[in-house]
N, C-alpha and C. Protein backbone atom coordinates (compact mmCIF):
# COMPACT_ATOMS: atom_id res chain seq x y z
N MET A 1 81.24 11.75 35.21
CA MET A 1 81.50 13.11 35.47
C MET A 1 80.42 13.73 34.79
N ARG A 2 80.04 14.78 34.90
CA ARG A 2 79.37 15.71 34.62
C ARG A 2 80.20 16.52 33.66
N GLU A 3 79.36 17.93 32.87
CA GLU A 3 80.37 18.49 32.26
C GLU A 3 79.89 19.58 32.39
N ILE A 4 80.96 20.87 32.21
CA ILE A 4 80.47 22.10 33.04
C ILE A 4 81.00 22.80 31.38
N VAL A 5 79.61 23.43 31.91
CA VAL A 5 79.34 24.43 29.99
C VAL A 5 80.07 25.75 31.02
N ASN A 6 80.21 25.83 29.98
CA ASN A 6 79.60 28.09 30.48
C ASN A 6 79.12 28.28 29.69
N PRO A 7 78.39 29.63 30.22
CA PRO A 7 77.03 30.13 29.83
C PRO A 7 78.03 30.89 28.57
N THR A 8 79.11 31.63 28.70
CA THR A 8 79.11 32.47 27.99
C THR A 8 80.08 31.82 26.46
N HIS A 9 81.01 30.45 26.86
CA HIS A 9 81.45 30.68 25.71
C HIS A 9 80.46 29.41 24.85
N SER A 10 80.07 29.23 24.02
CA SER A 10 79.92 28.40 22.69
C SER A 10 80.62 27.65 22.77
N ARG A 11 79.76 26.15 23.26
CA ARG A 11 80.94 24.50 22.21
C ARG A 11 80.69 24.63 20.85
N THR A 12 81.77 24.85 19.80
CA THR A 12 81.79 24.89 18.43
C THR A 12 82.61 23.34 18.48
N THR A 13 82.06 22.78 17.51
CA THR A 13 83.00 21.73 17.12
C THR A 13 83.33 22.36 15.92
N HIS A 14 84.72 21.05 15.05
CA HIS A 14 84.27 21.14 13.49
C HIS A 14 84.08 21.28 13.02
N LEU A 15 83.36 20.53 12.85
CA LEU A 15 81.54 19.93 12.11
C LEU A 15 81.26 21.24 11.83
N ASP A 16 80.65 21.67 12.50
CA ASP A 16 80.35 22.77 12.59
C ASP A 16 81.19 24.27 11.89
N ARG A 17 81.80 24.22 12.10
CA ARG A 17 83.03 25.53 10.89
C ARG A 17 82.66 24.98 9.75
N ASP A 18 83.50 23.76 9.16
CA ASP A 18 82.35 23.15 8.16
C ASP A 18 81.50 23.48 8.04
N GLU A 19 80.23 23.77 8.35
CA GLU A 19 79.39 23.88 7.63
C GLU A 19 79.04 25.51 7.44
N ARG A 20 78.92 25.80 8.79
CA ARG A 20 79.51 27.36 8.64
C ARG A 20 80.28 27.96 7.04
N SER A 21 81.56 26.97 6.69
CA SER A 21 82.28 28.18 5.40
C SER A 21 82.04 27.43 4.08
N LEU A 22 81.15 25.84 3.99
CA LEU A 22 80.07 25.73 3.12
C LEU A 22 79.45 26.36 2.61
N GLY A 23 79.12 27.05 3.73
CA GLY A 23 77.27 28.09 3.34
C GLY A 23 78.06 29.33 3.11
N ARG A 24 78.71 29.84 3.49
CA ARG A 24 79.32 30.39 2.84
C ARG A 24 80.09 30.63 1.47
N TYR A 25 80.95 29.82 1.35
CA TYR A 25 81.11 29.53 -0.28
C TYR A 25 80.36 29.05 -1.19
N GLY A 26 78.91 28.73 -0.78
CA GLY A 26 77.71 28.08 -1.07
C GLY A 26 77.32 29.44 -2.05
N SER A 27 76.98 30.12 -1.28
CA SER A 27 76.23 31.43 -1.49
C SER A 27 77.28 31.79 -2.52
N LEU A 28 78.42 32.36 -2.01
CA LEU A 28 78.80 33.04 -3.35
C LEU A 28 79.50 32.34 -4.58
N GLY A 29 79.57 31.00 -5.10
CA GLY A 29 79.33 30.35 -5.44
C GLY A 29 78.48 30.37 -6.52
N ILE A 30 76.73 30.70 -5.96
CA ILE A 30 75.81 31.33 -6.49
C ILE A 30 75.61 31.99 -7.65
N ILE A 31 76.16 33.30 -6.39
CA ILE A 31 76.68 34.94 -7.07
C ILE A 31 77.18 34.82 -8.02
N PHE A 32 78.71 34.06 -8.55
CA PHE A 32 79.58 33.90 -9.53
C PHE A 32 78.75 32.99 -10.39
N ALA A 33 77.84 31.82 -9.87
CA ALA A 33 77.13 31.30 -11.16
C ALA A 33 76.36 32.50 -12.28
N CYS A 34 75.44 33.34 -11.28
CA CYS A 34 74.65 34.63 -11.90
C CYS A 34 75.01 34.76 -12.70
N PHE A 35 76.73 35.58 -11.94
CA PHE A 35 77.50 36.93 -12.68
C PHE A 35 77.30 36.30 -13.79
N THR A 36 78.01 35.00 -14.12
CA THR A 36 78.80 34.88 -15.52
C THR A 36 77.06 34.85 -15.87
N THR A 37 76.59 33.98 -15.53
CA THR A 37 74.99 33.85 -16.66
C THR A 37 74.49 35.76 -17.32
N MET A 38 74.28 35.65 -16.54
CA MET A 38 73.96 37.76 -16.96
C MET A 38 75.39 38.73 -17.78
N THR A 39 76.10 37.93 -17.88
CA THR A 39 77.73 38.37 -18.30
C THR A 39 77.17 37.64 -20.06
N LEU A 40 76.96 36.62 -19.79
CA LEU A 40 77.51 35.53 -20.82
C LEU A 40 75.91 35.78 -21.76
N LEU A 41 75.32 36.14 -20.98
CA LEU A 41 73.91 36.83 -22.44
C LEU A 41 73.91 38.27 -22.67
N ALA A 42 74.96 38.66 -21.14
CA ALA A 42 74.59 40.13 -22.56
C ALA A 42 75.19 40.10 -23.29
N LEU A 43 76.61 39.66 -23.20
CA LEU A 43 77.47 39.55 -24.44
C LEU A 43 76.89 38.94 -25.66
N THR A 44 76.18 37.67 -25.62
CA THR A 44 75.79 37.45 -26.87
C THR A 44 74.56 37.92 -27.22
N GLY A 45 73.91 39.12 -26.49
CA GLY A 45 72.71 39.99 -26.98
C GLY A 45 73.42 41.21 -27.56
N CYS A 46 74.41 41.08 -26.83
CA CYS A 46 75.38 42.23 -27.73
C CYS A 46 75.93 42.50 -29.33
N SER A 47 75.68 41.20 -29.61
CA SER A 47 77.14 40.89 -30.83
C SER A 47 76.51 40.40 -32.13
N GLY A 48 75.05 40.46 -31.50
CA GLY A 48 74.37 39.88 -33.16
C GLY A 48 74.30 41.87 -34.31
N GLY A 49 75.10 40.96 -35.11
CA GLY A 49 74.80 42.82 -36.01
C GLY A 49 76.88 43.16 -36.20
N SER A 50 76.61 43.46 -37.00
CA SER A 50 77.62 45.11 -36.82
C SER A 50 77.76 45.42 -36.10
N GLY A 51 76.98 46.31 -35.21
CA GLY A 51 77.68 47.36 -34.72
C GLY A 51 77.36 49.00 -34.96
N SER A 52 76.62 48.82 -36.10
CA SER A 52 76.85 49.45 -36.88
C SER A 52 74.75 50.09 -37.77
N ALA A 53 74.95 51.58 -37.50
CA ALA A 53 72.96 51.19 -38.09
C ALA A 53 73.50 52.10 -39.69
N HIS A 54 72.55 51.12 -40.75
CA HIS A 54 72.46 51.60 -41.59
C HIS A 54 73.05 53.38 -42.50
N PRO A 55 73.99 53.24 -43.40
CA PRO A 55 74.51 54.32 -43.71
C PRO A 55 73.35 55.82 -44.36
N VAL A 56 73.55 56.58 -44.43
CA VAL A 56 71.99 57.76 -45.64
C VAL A 56 72.37 57.50 -46.56
N ASP A 57 71.30 57.55 -47.06
CA ASP A 57 71.26 57.71 -48.70
C ASP A 57 70.48 59.83 -48.09
N THR A 58 71.84 60.07 -48.48
CA THR A 58 71.90 61.61 -48.87
C THR A 58 71.02 62.67 -49.96
N SER A 59 70.98 61.84 -51.09
CA SER A 59 69.96 62.13 -52.35
C SER A 59 68.75 61.67 -52.07
N ARG A 60 68.70 60.71 -51.65
CA ARG A 60 66.55 59.67 -50.84
C ARG A 60 66.98 60.84 -49.77
N ALA A 61 67.72 61.35 -49.53
CA ALA A 61 67.54 62.07 -48.20
C ALA A 61 66.58 63.10 -48.34
N ARG A 62 67.61 63.78 -49.24
CA ARG A 62 66.97 65.41 -49.64
C ARG A 62 65.98 65.22 -49.86
N GLU A 63 66.12 64.41 -51.09
CA GLU A 63 64.54 64.06 -51.53
C GLU A 63 63.24 64.47 -51.16
N GLY A 64 63.63 63.33 -49.53
CA GLY A 64 61.87 63.07 -49.08
C GLY A 64 62.17 64.95 -48.60
N LEU A 65 62.74 65.25 -47.20
CA LEU A 65 62.88 66.24 -46.55
C LEU A 65 62.16 67.27 -47.61
N LYS A 66 62.68 67.19 -49.54
CA LYS A 66 62.00 68.41 -50.31
C LYS A 66 60.13 67.98 -50.15
N THR A 67 60.70 67.00 -50.52
CA THR A 67 58.56 66.05 -50.89
C THR A 67 57.93 66.99 -49.38
N ALA A 68 58.59 66.46 -48.23
CA ALA A 68 57.42 66.65 -46.84
C ALA A 68 57.32 67.94 -47.44
N LEU A 69 58.51 69.45 -47.45
CA LEU A 69 57.95 70.37 -46.96
C LEU A 69 57.35 71.48 -48.40
N ASP A 70 57.48 70.13 -49.32
CA ASP A 70 56.38 71.06 -50.32
C ASP A 70 55.06 70.34 -50.38
N HIS A 71 54.62 69.13 -48.77
CA HIS A 71 53.19 68.72 -48.96
C HIS A 71 52.94 69.40 -47.68
N TRP A 72 54.32 70.48 -47.56
CA TRP A 72 53.08 71.07 -45.91
C TRP A 72 53.01 72.70 -46.87
N LYS A 73 53.53 73.23 -47.38
CA LYS A 73 53.44 73.62 -48.21
C LYS A 73 51.71 73.89 -49.05
N SER A 74 51.91 72.76 -49.57
CA SER A 74 50.36 73.10 -50.85
C SER A 74 49.34 72.94 -49.53
N GLY A 75 49.52 72.43 -48.00
CA GLY A 75 47.95 72.58 -47.26
C GLY A 75 47.77 71.44 -47.05
N LYS A 76 49.04 70.24 -47.01
CA LYS A 76 49.00 68.98 -46.07
C LYS A 76 49.07 69.01 -44.82
N THR A 77 48.62 67.75 -44.67
CA THR A 77 49.33 67.65 -42.61
C THR A 77 50.18 66.26 -42.96
N PRO A 78 51.16 66.93 -42.03
CA PRO A 78 52.50 65.21 -41.85
C PRO A 78 51.70 64.31 -41.86
N GLN A 79 50.49 63.32 -41.03
CA GLN A 79 49.79 62.60 -41.26
C GLN A 79 49.53 62.10 -43.16
N SER A 80 49.02 62.48 -44.06
CA SER A 80 49.24 62.17 -45.33
C SER A 80 49.93 62.33 -45.71
N LEU A 81 51.52 61.89 -46.06
CA LEU A 81 52.29 61.46 -46.39
C LEU A 81 53.01 59.62 -45.89
N SER A 82 51.98 59.01 -44.34
CA SER A 82 51.86 58.43 -44.86
C SER A 82 51.55 57.42 -45.48
N SER A 83 50.75 58.21 -46.73
CA SER A 83 49.82 57.36 -46.87
C SER A 83 49.96 58.28 -49.05
N SER A 84 50.97 58.17 -48.93
CA SER A 84 51.08 58.93 -50.32
C SER A 84 52.09 57.99 -51.06
N ALA A 85 52.30 58.08 -52.54
CA ALA A 85 53.14 57.51 -52.95
C ALA A 85 54.90 57.43 -52.65
N THR A 86 55.15 58.67 -51.83
CA THR A 86 55.93 57.82 -51.20
C THR A 86 56.24 57.73 -49.92
N PRO A 87 55.88 57.30 -49.37
CA PRO A 87 55.02 57.29 -47.86
C PRO A 87 56.18 57.54 -47.00
N MET A 88 56.39 58.43 -45.66
CA MET A 88 57.21 58.34 -45.07
C MET A 88 56.45 59.22 -43.38
N THR A 89 57.57 59.20 -42.68
CA THR A 89 56.45 59.32 -40.90
C THR A 89 57.59 61.05 -41.02
N VAL A 90 57.14 62.17 -40.55
CA VAL A 90 56.95 63.12 -40.70
C VAL A 90 57.22 63.90 -39.07
N GLN A 91 58.20 64.51 -38.44
CA GLN A 91 57.41 64.96 -37.28
C GLN A 91 57.99 66.41 -36.76
N ASP A 92 56.92 67.93 -37.68
CA ASP A 92 57.16 69.23 -36.95
C ASP A 92 56.79 70.46 -36.24
N PHE A 93 56.63 70.71 -35.06
CA PHE A 93 56.15 70.63 -34.23
C PHE A 93 55.18 72.19 -35.25
N ASP A 94 55.96 72.39 -35.50
CA ASP A 94 55.03 74.38 -36.41
C ASP A 94 54.44 74.17 -37.10
N TRP A 95 53.90 72.80 -37.87
CA TRP A 95 52.68 71.72 -39.03
C TRP A 95 52.08 71.44 -38.08
N GLU A 96 52.81 70.47 -37.24
CA GLU A 96 51.27 70.15 -35.86
C GLU A 96 50.60 70.58 -35.80
N SER A 97 51.14 71.77 -35.20
CA SER A 97 50.23 73.18 -34.47
C SER A 97 49.51 74.84 -35.29
N GLY A 98 49.39 74.02 -36.85
CA GLY A 98 48.77 74.46 -37.75
C GLY A 98 49.58 75.87 -38.25
N ALA A 99 50.77 75.83 -37.88
CA ALA A 99 51.85 77.44 -39.00
C ALA A 99 51.44 76.26 -40.35
N LYS A 100 51.52 77.76 -41.68
CA LYS A 100 51.06 77.47 -42.86
C LYS A 100 53.10 78.30 -43.48
N LEU A 101 52.97 76.97 -44.50
CA LEU A 101 54.40 77.33 -44.43
C LEU A 101 54.35 77.98 -45.86
N VAL A 102 55.01 79.05 -46.24
CA VAL A 102 55.02 79.91 -46.66
C VAL A 102 55.57 79.66 -47.82
N ASP A 103 57.29 79.42 -47.54
CA ASP A 103 58.08 79.14 -48.37
C ASP A 103 59.59 78.36 -47.58
N TYR A 104 59.66 77.62 -48.45
CA TYR A 104 61.22 77.33 -47.60
C TYR A 104 62.50 77.19 -49.07
N GLN A 105 63.40 77.22 -48.06
CA GLN A 105 64.55 76.92 -47.98
C GLN A 105 65.98 76.15 -47.98
N ILE A 106 65.98 75.10 -48.57
CA ILE A 106 67.01 73.55 -48.09
C ILE A 106 68.38 74.57 -47.81
N GLN A 107 69.24 74.61 -47.03
CA GLN A 107 71.16 75.05 -46.94
C GLN A 107 71.53 73.61 -46.96
N GLY A 108 72.03 74.28 -48.17
CA GLY A 108 73.18 73.25 -48.27
C GLY A 108 73.27 71.93 -48.29
N ASP A 109 74.78 70.49 -48.80
CA ASP A 109 73.60 70.01 -48.48
C ASP A 109 73.94 69.19 -47.73
N GLY A 110 73.72 68.77 -46.40
CA GLY A 110 73.48 68.12 -45.05
C GLY A 110 75.07 67.65 -44.77
N GLU A 111 74.26 67.01 -43.14
CA GLU A 111 75.93 66.80 -42.60
C GLU A 111 75.58 65.31 -42.31
N PRO A 112 76.07 64.04 -43.46
CA PRO A 112 75.42 62.65 -42.51
C PRO A 112 75.93 61.73 -41.71
N MET A 113 75.04 61.61 -40.83
CA MET A 113 75.93 61.49 -39.19
C MET A 113 74.85 59.63 -39.35
N ASP A 114 75.88 59.46 -39.21
CA ASP A 114 75.58 56.96 -39.91
C ASP A 114 73.74 57.01 -40.59
N ALA A 115 73.40 56.70 -39.57
CA ALA A 115 71.93 56.66 -40.37
C ALA A 115 71.49 58.11 -40.21
N ASN A 116 71.32 58.94 -40.28
CA ASN A 116 70.29 60.29 -40.93
C ASN A 116 71.54 61.37 -41.44
N LEU A 117 71.29 62.29 -41.39
CA LEU A 117 70.83 62.75 -42.53
C LEU A 117 70.89 64.56 -41.61
N ARG A 118 71.68 65.53 -40.54
CA ARG A 118 71.66 66.44 -40.35
C ARG A 118 71.27 68.05 -41.23
N ILE A 119 70.26 68.22 -41.74
CA ILE A 119 69.93 69.35 -43.35
C ILE A 119 69.23 70.37 -42.43
N GLN A 120 70.17 71.61 -42.99
CA GLN A 120 69.10 72.77 -42.45
C GLN A 120 68.23 73.28 -43.51
N ALA A 121 67.13 73.71 -42.94
CA ALA A 121 66.12 74.77 -43.53
C ALA A 121 65.73 75.84 -43.22
N LYS A 122 65.63 76.72 -44.29
CA LYS A 122 65.33 77.37 -43.64
C LYS A 122 64.02 78.44 -44.39
N LEU A 123 62.27 78.41 -43.25
CA LEU A 123 60.94 78.36 -43.08
C LEU A 123 60.59 79.46 -43.10
N ASN A 124 59.90 80.02 -44.14
CA ASN A 124 58.76 81.32 -43.94
C ASN A 124 57.31 80.91 -43.56
N LEU A 125 57.16 81.08 -42.68
CA LEU A 125 55.75 80.76 -40.87
C LEU A 125 54.93 82.08 -41.23
N THR A 126 53.54 81.20 -41.71
CA THR A 126 52.05 82.43 -41.90
C THR A 126 51.32 81.96 -40.11
N GLY A 127 51.21 82.21 -39.51
CA GLY A 127 50.04 81.29 -38.12
C GLY A 127 50.63 80.67 -37.14
N GLY A 128 48.93 79.19 -37.19
CA GLY A 128 49.65 78.52 -36.19
C GLY A 128 49.76 78.98 -34.76
N LYS A 129 49.39 78.57 -33.44
CA LYS A 129 48.89 78.50 -32.54
C LYS A 129 50.33 77.92 -31.64
N GLY A 130 50.56 78.09 -29.92
CA GLY A 130 51.21 78.18 -29.40
C GLY A 130 52.56 78.08 -29.65
N LYS A 131 53.28 77.72 -29.82
CA LYS A 131 54.93 78.61 -30.40
C LYS A 131 55.14 78.02 -31.62
N ALA A 132 53.92 78.18 -32.33
CA ALA A 132 54.66 78.65 -33.84
C ALA A 132 54.49 79.85 -34.01
N LYS A 133 55.45 80.41 -34.48
CA LYS A 133 55.66 82.34 -34.59
C LYS A 133 55.64 81.61 -35.94
N SER A 134 54.92 83.41 -36.81
CA SER A 134 55.16 83.68 -37.97
C SER A 134 56.18 84.43 -37.70
N GLY A 135 56.90 84.50 -39.50
CA GLY A 135 58.35 84.88 -39.49
C GLY A 135 59.27 83.04 -40.64
N GLU A 136 60.26 84.09 -40.65
CA GLU A 136 61.41 83.08 -40.92
C GLU A 136 62.56 82.79 -39.82
N LYS A 137 62.23 81.55 -39.96
CA LYS A 137 63.03 80.75 -38.83
C LYS A 137 64.25 79.93 -40.18
N THR A 138 65.05 79.15 -39.10
CA THR A 138 65.78 78.38 -39.74
C THR A 138 66.31 77.62 -38.50
N VAL A 139 66.27 76.03 -39.34
CA VAL A 139 65.88 74.65 -38.62
C VAL A 139 66.59 74.00 -38.77
N THR A 140 66.84 72.97 -38.51
CA THR A 140 67.60 71.79 -38.90
C THR A 140 66.52 69.93 -38.73
N TYR A 141 66.94 69.37 -39.52
CA TYR A 141 65.70 68.12 -39.61
C TYR A 141 66.91 67.19 -39.85
N LEU A 142 66.39 65.87 -39.19
CA LEU A 142 66.95 64.99 -39.12
C LEU A 142 66.44 63.90 -39.94
N VAL A 143 66.87 63.48 -41.41
CA VAL A 143 66.49 62.81 -41.88
C VAL A 143 66.56 61.01 -41.87
N SER A 144 66.13 60.60 -42.20
CA SER A 144 66.49 58.93 -42.31
C SER A 144 65.90 58.75 -43.74
N THR A 145 66.39 56.51 -43.82
CA THR A 145 66.62 56.60 -44.38
C THR A 145 66.18 54.52 -45.30
N SER A 146 66.40 54.13 -43.97
CA SER A 146 66.59 52.24 -43.91
C SER A 146 66.31 52.96 -42.04
N PRO A 147 64.69 51.13 -42.11
CA PRO A 147 64.33 51.39 -43.28
C PRO A 147 63.10 52.35 -44.36
N SER A 148 62.91 53.17 -43.83
CA SER A 148 61.92 53.73 -45.28
C SER A 148 62.46 55.05 -44.95
N VAL A 149 62.11 56.42 -45.38
CA VAL A 149 61.86 57.36 -44.85
C VAL A 149 61.55 58.58 -43.51
N THR A 150 61.93 59.29 -43.08
CA THR A 150 61.84 59.72 -41.89
C THR A 150 62.22 60.82 -41.71
N VAL A 151 60.92 62.13 -41.58
CA VAL A 151 61.94 63.91 -41.11
C VAL A 151 61.71 64.53 -39.78
N PHE A 152 62.70 63.90 -38.74
CA PHE A 152 61.84 64.12 -37.81
C PHE A 152 62.80 65.64 -37.36
N ARG A 153 62.05 66.84 -37.20
CA ARG A 153 62.48 68.37 -37.00
C ARG A 153 63.66 68.27 -35.52
N ASP A 154 64.54 68.72 -35.82
CA ASP A 154 65.34 68.32 -34.47
C ASP A 154 66.00 69.69 -33.71
N MET A 155 65.19 69.22 -31.83
CA MET A 155 65.07 70.27 -31.23
C MET A 155 66.22 71.12 -31.18
């Protein structure tokens, strides 16, 4: 007896179907395991700490800004503050472009924002190149005190 095979129909057995479904579910299992592992790693990485920055020491921040501006007014560079008696990091584009600080006035006590003190100062500048222009302008600084004092000009 000879079996006639119809070329338009493929012959599948219940074993073939089980292997295909096992392959499909096996892939889903691997994807699920990877997703679960990545989620657990992300959650454990995010839970290390209180979740908030150290609050700013407002009096130390105001003193840091005053020290930085006095340094600028005396003709020193921002980099010289990193090795001063009160080491700090300072960034101000006008200062770095060579503008001279003739005078300044810190305006108010500032506003604490997590790890920073947001505080305004009125600057009286001369010289400089690029964007630095002579004259008076009011600018905002972000001053941090932890782990060290940093003074950055807000954009």
